[in-house]
PDB file of N, CA and C in Angstrom:
ATOM      1  N   MET A   1       0.842  -1.172   0.000  1.00  0.00           N
ATOM      2  CA  MET A   1       0.000   0.000   0.000  1.00  0.00           C
ATOM      3  C   MET A   1       0.889   1.238   0.000  1.00  0.00           C
ATOM      4  N   ARG A   2       0.553   2.236  -0.804  1.00  0.00           N
ATOM      5  CA  ARG A   2       1.312   3.484  -0.875  1.00  0.00           C
ATOM      6  C   ARG A   2       0.442   4.636  -0.428  1.00  0.00           C
ATOM      7  N   ARG A   3       1.101   5.604   0.222  1.00  0.00           N
ATOM      8  CA  ARG A   3       0.425   6.843   0.603  1.00  0.00           C
ATOM      9  C   ARG A   3       1.168   7.986  -0.068  1.00  0.00           C
ATOM     10  N   THR A   4       0.452   9.018  -0.467  1.00  0.00           N
ATOM     11  CA  THR A   4       1.083  10.202  -1.027  1.00  0.00           C
ATOM     12  C   THR A   4       1.272  11.205   0.096  1.00  0.00           C
ATOM     13  N   MET A   5       2.526  11.647   0.263  1.00  0.00           N
ATOM     14  CA  MET A   5       2.864  12.566   1.345  1.00  0.00           C
ATOM     15  C   MET A   5       3.288  13.907   0.754  1.00  0.00           C
ATOM     16  N   ALA A   6       2.657  14.975   1.165  1.00  0.00           N
ATOM     17  CA  ALA A   6       3.095  16.310   0.800  1.00  0.00           C
ATOM     18  C   ALA A   6       4.078  16.751   1.878  1.00  0.00           C
ATOM     19  N   PRO A   7       5.370  16.864   1.525  1.00  0.00           N
ATOM     20  CA  PRO A   7       6.368  17.170   2.541  1.00  0.00           C
ATOM     21  C   PRO A   7       6.286  18.596   3.059  1.00  0.00           C
ATOM     22  N   LYS A   8       6.824  18.795   4.264  1.00  0.00           N
ATOM     23  CA  LYS A   8       6.961  20.141   4.824  1.00  0.00           C
ATOM     24  C   LYS A   8       7.970  20.892   3.961  1.00  0.00           C
ATOM     25  N   GLN A   9       7.877  22.209   3.966  1.00  0.00           N
ATOM     26  CA  GLN A   9       8.796  22.998   3.164  1.00  0.00           C
ATOM     27  C   GLN A   9       9.277  24.184   3.989  1.00  0.00           C
ATOM     28  N   ASP A  10      10.467  24.066   4.590  1.00  0.00           N
ATOM     29  CA  ASP A  10      11.021  25.121   5.431  1.00  0.00           C
ATOM     30  C   ASP A  10      11.870  26.094   4.618  1.00  0.00           C
ATOM     31  N   VAL A  11      12.692  25.581   3.724  1.00  0.00           N
ATOM     32  CA  VAL A  11      13.556  26.395   2.876  1.00  0.00           C
ATOM     33  C   VAL A  11      12.872  26.512   1.524  1.00  0.00           C
ATOM     34  N   GLU A  12      12.875  27.707   0.946  1.00  0.00           N
ATOM     35  CA  GLU A  12      12.208  27.895  -0.331  1.00  0.00           C
ATOM     36  C   GLU A  12      12.743  26.915  -1.366  1.00  0.00           C
ATOM     37  N   GLY A  13      11.848  26.147  -1.951  1.00  0.00           N
ATOM     38  CA  GLY A  13      12.220  25.192  -2.985  1.00  0.00           C
ATOM     39  C   GLY A  13      12.657  23.835  -2.482  1.00  0.00           C
ATOM     40  N   ALA A  14      12.792  23.663  -1.167  1.00  0.00           N
ATOM     41  CA  ALA A  14      13.248  22.377  -0.622  1.00  0.00           C
ATOM     42  C   ALA A  14      12.079  21.409  -0.484  1.00  0.00           C
ATOM     43  N   VAL A  15      12.286  20.193  -0.949  1.00  0.00           N
ATOM     44  CA  VAL A  15      11.347  19.097  -0.715  1.00  0.00           C
ATOM     45  C   VAL A  15      11.990  18.270   0.386  1.00  0.00           C
ATOM     46  N   THR A  16      11.320  18.158   1.531  1.00  0.00           N
ATOM     47  CA  THR A  16      11.914  17.496   2.693  1.00  0.00           C
ATOM     48  C   THR A  16      11.175  16.210   3.045  1.00  0.00           C
ATOM     49  N   ALA A  17      11.857  15.349   3.785  1.00  0.00           N
ATOM     50  CA  ALA A  17      11.267  14.084   4.217  1.00  0.00           C
ATOM     51  C   ALA A  17      10.226  14.344   5.305  1.00  0.00           C
ATOM     52  N   PRO A  18       9.002  13.848   5.142  1.00  0.00           N
ATOM     53  CA  PRO A  18       7.964  14.054   6.151  1.00  0.00           C
ATOM     54  C   PRO A  18       8.145  13.153   7.375  1.00  0.00           C
ATOM     55  N   MET A  19       8.999  12.143   7.252  1.00  0.00           N
ATOM     56  CA  MET A  19       9.267  11.201   8.346  1.00  0.00           C
ATOM     57  C   MET A  19      10.588  10.505   8.051  1.00  0.00           C
ATOM     58  N   MET A  20      11.136   9.827   9.056  1.00  0.00           N
ATOM     59  CA  MET A  20      12.369   9.096   8.803  1.00  0.00           C
ATOM     60  C   MET A  20      12.042   7.815   8.041  1.00  0.00           C
ATOM     61  N   GLY A  21      13.005   7.363   7.236  1.00  0.00           N
ATOM     62  CA  GLY A  21      12.795   6.153   6.458  1.00  0.00           C
ATOM     63  C   GLY A  21      13.930   5.927   5.486  1.00  0.00           C
ATOM     64  N   LYS A  22      13.662   5.117   4.476  1.00  0.00           N
ATOM     65  CA  LYS A  22      14.663   4.753   3.477  1.00  0.00           C
ATOM     66  C   LYS A  22      14.113   5.071   2.091  1.00  0.00           C
ATOM     67  N   ILE A  23      14.927   5.728   1.273  1.00  0.00           N
ATOM     68  CA  ILE A  23      14.540   6.040  -0.101  1.00  0.00           C
ATOM     69  C   ILE A  23      14.662   4.758  -0.922  1.00  0.00           C
ATOM     70  N   ILE A  24      13.562   4.326  -1.536  1.00  0.00           N
ATOM     71  CA  ILE A  24      13.634   3.097  -2.330  1.00  0.00           C
ATOM     72  C   ILE A  24      13.565   3.365  -3.831  1.00  0.00           C
ATOM     73  N   SER A  25      13.184   4.588  -4.217  1.00  0.00           N
ATOM     74  CA  SER A  25      13.139   4.935  -5.634  1.00  0.00           C
ATOM     75  C   SER A  25      13.244   6.449  -5.791  1.00  0.00           C
ATOM     76  N   VAL A  26      14.131   6.890  -6.701  1.00  0.00           N
ATOM     77  CA  VAL A  26      14.259   8.307  -7.049  1.00  0.00           C
ATOM     78  C   VAL A  26      13.810   8.429  -8.498  1.00  0.00           C
ATOM     79  N   MET A  27      12.836   9.295  -8.763  1.00  0.00           N
ATOM     80  CA  MET A  27      12.211   9.363 -10.079  1.00  0.00           C
ATOM     81  C   MET A  27      12.600  10.574 -10.910  1.00  0.00           C
ATOM     82  N   VAL A  28      13.435  11.466 -10.365  1.00  0.00           N
ATOM     83  CA  VAL A  28      13.872  12.653 -11.105  1.00  0.00           C
ATOM     84  C   VAL A  28      15.377  12.812 -10.959  1.00  0.00           C
ATOM     85  N   LYS A  29      15.945  13.629 -11.846  1.00  0.00           N
ATOM     86  CA  LYS A  29      17.370  13.941 -11.757  1.00  0.00           C
ATOM     87  C   LYS A  29      17.553  15.446 -11.919  1.00  0.00           C
ATOM     88  N   LYS A  30      18.734  15.923 -11.602  1.00  0.00           N
ATOM     89  CA  LYS A  30      19.034  17.351 -11.706  1.00  0.00           C
ATOM     90  C   LYS A  30      18.743  17.829 -13.126  1.00  0.00           C
ATOM     91  N   GLY A  31      18.043  18.954 -13.214  1.00  0.00           N
ATOM     92  CA  GLY A  31      17.705  19.537 -14.506  1.00  0.00           C
ATOM     93  C   GLY A  31      16.326  19.156 -15.028  1.00  0.00           C
ATOM     94  N   ASP A  32      15.696  18.149 -14.430  1.00  0.00           N
ATOM     95  CA  ASP A  32      14.352  17.744 -14.855  1.00  0.00           C
ATOM     96  C   ASP A  32      13.338  18.830 -14.506  1.00  0.00           C
ATOM     97  N   HIS A  33      12.356  19.000 -15.377  1.00  0.00           N
ATOM     98  CA  HIS A  33      11.240  19.910 -15.104  1.00  0.00           C
ATOM     99  C   HIS A  33      10.142  19.087 -14.439  1.00  0.00           C
ATOM    100  N   VAL A  34       9.569  19.605 -13.359  1.00  0.00           N
ATOM    101  CA  VAL A  34       8.523  18.889 -12.621  1.00  0.00           C
ATOM    102  C   VAL A  34       7.271  19.752 -12.498  1.00  0.00           C
ATOM    103  N   LYS A  35       6.136  19.081 -12.369  1.00  0.00           N
ATOM    104  CA  LYS A  35       4.850  19.752 -12.168  1.00  0.00           C
ATOM    105  C   LYS A  35       4.514  19.733 -10.683  1.00  0.00           C
ATOM    106  N   ALA A  36       3.679  20.642 -10.245  1.00  0.00           N
ATOM    107  CA  ALA A  36       3.212  20.633  -8.854  1.00  0.00           C
ATOM    108  C   ALA A  36       2.490  19.317  -8.594  1.00  0.00           C
ATOM    109  N   GLY A  37       2.828  18.663  -7.494  1.00  0.00           N
ATOM    110  CA  GLY A  37       2.199  17.400  -7.141  1.00  0.00           C
ATOM    111  C   GLY A  37       2.816  16.176  -7.784  1.00  0.00           C
ATOM    112  N   GLN A  38       3.859  16.365  -8.589  1.00  0.00           N
ATOM    113  CA  GLN A  38       4.516  15.227  -9.247  1.00  0.00           C
ATOM    114  C   GLN A  38       5.275  14.390  -8.221  1.00  0.00           C
ATOM    115  N   ILE A  39       5.219  13.081  -8.357  1.00  0.00           N
ATOM    116  CA  ILE A  39       5.954  12.173  -7.471  1.00  0.00           C
ATOM    117  C   ILE A  39       7.430  12.224  -7.852  1.00  0.00           C
ATOM    118  N   VAL A  40       8.297  12.506  -6.852  1.00  0.00           N
ATOM    119  CA  VAL A  40       9.736  12.598  -7.118  1.00  0.00           C
ATOM    120  C   VAL A  40      10.522  11.440  -6.514  1.00  0.00           C
ATOM    121  N   CYS A  41       9.966  10.795  -5.484  1.00  0.00           N
ATOM    122  CA  CYS A  41      10.632   9.626  -4.911  1.00  0.00           C
ATOM    123  C   CYS A  41       9.654   8.840  -4.054  1.00  0.00           C
ATOM    124  N   ILE A  42      10.081   7.622  -3.705  1.00  0.00           N
ATOM    125  CA  ILE A  42       9.306   6.764  -2.813  1.00  0.00           C
ATOM    126  C   ILE A  42      10.125   6.568  -1.542  1.00  0.00           C
ATOM    127  N   LEU A  43       9.508   6.854  -0.409  1.00  0.00           N
ATOM    128  CA  LEU A  43      10.135   6.716   0.905  1.00  0.00           C
ATOM    129  C   LEU A  43       9.452   5.568   1.641  1.00  0.00           C
ATOM    130  N   GLU A  44      10.235   4.577   2.055  1.00  0.00           N
ATOM    131  CA  GLU A  44       9.678   3.464   2.822  1.00  0.00           C
ATOM    132  C   GLU A  44       9.864   3.751   4.304  1.00  0.00           C
ATOM    133  N   ALA A  45       8.764   3.678   5.036  1.00  0.00           N
ATOM    134  CA  ALA A  45       8.792   3.893   6.486  1.00  0.00           C
ATOM    135  C   ALA A  45       7.808   2.921   7.121  1.00  0.00           C
ATOM    136  N   MET A  46       8.268   2.164   8.089  1.00  0.00           N
ATOM    137  CA  MET A  46       7.429   1.195   8.795  1.00  0.00           C
ATOM    138  C   MET A  46       6.702   0.262   7.813  1.00  0.00           C
ATOM    139  N   LYS A  47       7.439  -0.217   6.810  1.00  0.00           N
ATOM    140  CA  LYS A  47       6.950  -1.162   5.794  1.00  0.00           C
ATOM    141  C   LYS A  47       5.857  -0.582   4.899  1.00  0.00           C
ATOM    142  N   MET A  48       5.709   0.748   4.898  1.00  0.00           N
ATOM    143  CA  MET A  48       4.754   1.430   4.017  1.00  0.00           C
ATOM    144  C   MET A  48       5.546   2.231   2.998  1.00  0.00           C
ATOM    145  N   GLU A  49       5.095   2.240   1.747  1.00  0.00           N
ATOM    146  CA  GLU A  49       5.718   3.047   0.708  1.00  0.00           C
ATOM    147  C   GLU A  49       4.955   4.361   0.601  1.00  0.00           C
ATOM    148  N   ASN A  50       5.673   5.473   0.769  1.00  0.00           N
ATOM    149  CA  ASN A  50       5.077   6.806   0.743  1.00  0.00           C
ATOM    150  C   ASN A  50       5.585   7.560  -0.475  1.00  0.00           C
ATOM    151  N   GLU A  51       4.675   8.064  -1.291  1.00  0.00           N
ATOM    152  CA  GLU A  51       5.042   8.847  -2.465  1.00  0.00           C
ATOM    153  C   GLU A  51       5.318  10.281  -2.021  1.00  0.00           C
ATOM    154  N   ILE A  52       6.517  10.766  -2.312  1.00  0.00           N
ATOM    155  CA  ILE A  52       6.884  12.143  -1.975  1.00  0.00           C
ATOM    156  C   ILE A  52       6.678  12.994  -3.226  1.00  0.00           C
ATOM    157  N   THR A  53       5.927  14.080  -3.074  1.00  0.00           N
ATOM    158  CA  THR A  53       5.557  14.914  -4.217  1.00  0.00           C
ATOM    159  C   THR A  53       6.145  16.320  -4.102  1.00  0.00           C
ATOM    160  N   THR A  54       6.181  17.010  -5.238  1.00  0.00           N
ATOM    161  CA  THR A  54       6.671  18.386  -5.255  1.00  0.00           C
ATOM    162  C   THR A  54       5.542  19.339  -4.869  1.00  0.00           C
ATOM    163  N   PRO A  55       5.870  20.375  -4.096  1.00  0.00           N
ATOM    164  CA  PRO A  55       4.850  21.346  -3.704  1.00  0.00           C
ATOM    165  C   PRO A  55       4.555  22.371  -4.804  1.00  0.00           C
ATOM    166  N   LYS A  56       5.458  22.465  -5.799  1.00  0.00           N
ATOM    167  CA  LYS A  56       5.287  23.465  -6.859  1.00  0.00           C
ATOM    168  C   LYS A  56       5.957  22.975  -8.134  1.00  0.00           C
ATOM    169  N   ALA A  57       5.612  23.612  -9.239  1.00  0.00           N
ATOM    170  CA  ALA A  57       6.255  23.316 -10.517  1.00  0.00           C
ATOM    171  C   ALA A  57       7.608  24.012 -10.565  1.00  0.00           C
ATOM    172  N   GLY A  58       8.533  23.462 -11.326  1.00  0.00           N
ATOM    173  CA  GLY A  58       9.843  24.085 -11.471  1.00  0.00           C
ATOM    174  C   GLY A  58      10.864  23.122 -12.039  1.00  0.00           C
ATOM    175  N   THR A  59      12.127  23.444 -11.798  1.00  0.00           N
ATOM    176  CA  THR A  59      13.247  22.636 -12.273  1.00  0.00           C
ATOM    177  C   THR A  59      14.003  22.089 -11.076  1.00  0.00           C
ATOM    178  N   VAL A  60      14.383  20.816 -11.145  1.00  0.00           N
ATOM    179  CA  VAL A  60      15.156  20.195 -10.069  1.00  0.00           C
ATOM    180  C   VAL A  60      16.567  20.784 -10.104  1.00  0.00           C
ATOM    181  N   GLN A  61      16.931  21.527  -9.053  1.00  0.00           N
ATOM    182  CA  GLN A  61      18.250  22.145  -8.963  1.00  0.00           C
ATOM    183  C   GLN A  61      19.256  21.242  -8.260  1.00  0.00           C
ATOM    184  N   GLU A  62      18.756  20.422  -7.335  1.00  0.00           N
ATOM    185  CA  GLU A  62      19.650  19.568  -6.555  1.00  0.00           C
ATOM    186  C   GLU A  62      18.911  18.307  -6.125  1.00  0.00           C
ATOM    187  N   VAL A  63      19.601  17.169  -6.241  1.00  0.00           N
ATOM    188  CA  VAL A  63      19.095  15.889  -5.734  1.00  0.00           C
ATOM    189  C   VAL A  63      20.018  15.509  -4.584  1.00  0.00           C
ATOM    190  N   CYS A  64      19.492  15.446  -3.385  1.00  0.00           N
ATOM    191  CA  CYS A  64      20.303  15.238  -2.176  1.00  0.00           C
ATOM    192  C   CYS A  64      20.300  13.789  -1.692  1.00  0.00           C
ATOM    193  N   VAL A  65      19.561  12.902  -2.356  1.00  0.00           N
ATOM    194  CA  VAL A  65      19.443  11.504  -1.925  1.00  0.00           C
ATOM    195  C   VAL A  65      19.617  10.573  -3.118  1.00  0.00           C
ATOM    196  N   PHE A  66      19.796   9.306  -2.816  1.00  0.00           N
ATOM    197  CA  PHE A  66      19.867   8.267  -3.842  1.00  0.00           C
ATOM    198  C   PHE A  66      19.140   7.042  -3.309  1.00  0.00           C
ATOM    199  N   GLU A  67      18.867   6.092  -4.185  1.00  0.00           N
ATOM    200  CA  GLU A  67      18.181   4.877  -3.747  1.00  0.00           C
ATOM    201  C   GLU A  67      19.008   4.191  -2.671  1.00  0.00           C
ATOM    202  N   GLY A  68      18.366   3.854  -1.576  1.00  0.00           N
ATOM    203  CA  GLY A  68      19.047   3.221  -0.452  1.00  0.00           C
ATOM    204  C   GLY A  68      19.427   4.189   0.657  1.00  0.00           C
ATOM    205  N   SER A  69      19.280   5.502   0.408  1.00  0.00           N
ATOM    206  CA  SER A  69      19.602   6.502   1.436  1.00  0.00           C
ATOM    207  C   SER A  69      18.654   6.382   2.618  1.00  0.00           C
ATOM    208  N   SER A  70      19.194   6.476   3.824  1.00  0.00           N
ATOM    209  CA  SER A  70      18.372   6.602   5.028  1.00  0.00           C
ATOM    210  C   SER A  70      18.229   8.088   5.307  1.00  0.00           C
ATOM    211  N   VAL A  71      17.002   8.537   5.578  1.00  0.00           N
ATOM    212  CA  VAL A  71      16.758   9.957   5.806  1.00  0.00           C
ATOM    213  C   VAL A  71      16.029  10.171   7.126  1.00  0.00           C
ATOM    214  N   SER A  72      16.232  11.352   7.689  1.00  0.00           N
ATOM    215  CA  SER A  72      15.561  11.760   8.924  1.00  0.00           C
ATOM    216  C   SER A  72      14.404  12.681   8.580  1.00  0.00           C
ATOM    217  N   GLU A  73      13.454  12.802   9.490  1.00  0.00           N
ATOM    218  CA  GLU A  73      12.341  13.726   9.293  1.00  0.00           C
ATOM    219  C   GLU A  73      12.884  15.139   9.106  1.00  0.00           C
ATOM    220  N   GLY A  74      12.401  15.834   8.078  1.00  0.00           N
ATOM    221  CA  GLY A  74      12.814  17.203   7.820  1.00  0.00           C
ATOM    222  C   GLY A  74      14.055  17.341   6.957  1.00  0.00           C
ATOM    223  N   GLU A  75      14.727  16.236   6.647  1.00  0.00           N
ATOM    224  CA  GLU A  75      15.940  16.283   5.819  1.00  0.00           C
ATOM    225  C   GLU A  75      15.573  16.673   4.386  1.00  0.00           C
ATOM    226  N   THR A  76      16.397  17.529   3.767  1.00  0.00           N
ATOM    227  CA  THR A  76      16.148  17.955   2.392  1.00  0.00           C
ATOM    228  C   THR A  76      16.439  16.810   1.431  1.00  0.00           C
ATOM    229  N   LEU A  77      15.467  16.524   0.559  1.00  0.00           N
ATOM    230  CA  LEU A  77      15.603  15.471  -0.441  1.00  0.00           C
ATOM    231  C   LEU A  77      15.946  16.051  -1.810  1.00  0.00           C
ATOM    232  N   PHE A  78      15.263  17.149  -2.161  1.00  0.00           N
ATOM    233  CA  PHE A  78      15.439  17.807  -3.454  1.00  0.00           C
ATOM    234  C   PHE A  78      15.300  19.306  -3.257  1.00  0.00           C
ATOM    235  N   VAL A  79      15.866  20.077  -4.196  1.00  0.00           N
ATOM    236  CA  VAL A  79      15.642  21.523  -4.226  1.00  0.00           C
ATOM    237  C   VAL A  79      15.055  21.832  -5.599  1.00  0.00           C
ATOM    238  N   ILE A  80      13.900  22.490  -5.604  1.00  0.00           N
ATOM    239  CA  ILE A  80      13.167  22.841  -6.820  1.00  0.00           C
ATOM    240  C   ILE A  80      13.120  24.363  -6.936  1.00  0.00           C
ATOM    241  N   SER A  81      13.407  24.873  -8.142  1.00  0.00           N
ATOM    242  CA  SER A  81      13.271  26.335  -8.322  1.00  0.00           C
ATOM    243  C   SER A  81      12.457  26.623  -9.565  1.00  0.00           C
TER     244      SER A  81
END
């Protein structure tokens, strides 16, 4: 079962992890154009797959994670501008 998670956004353009977990799939790369609400990665937490989406349309400026990365709640995953 997958849930779609809209991450918190503290830094302008940052897509952050809504909870701690492991990145199991990264769906974008630096330079990709994304739409608001587009799924950018899958975060596994407590045996649940959570779809992480972009809060706005733009271009991926930075990818801070890779498949297999362990992340903490609030950690920056991507930067979108």
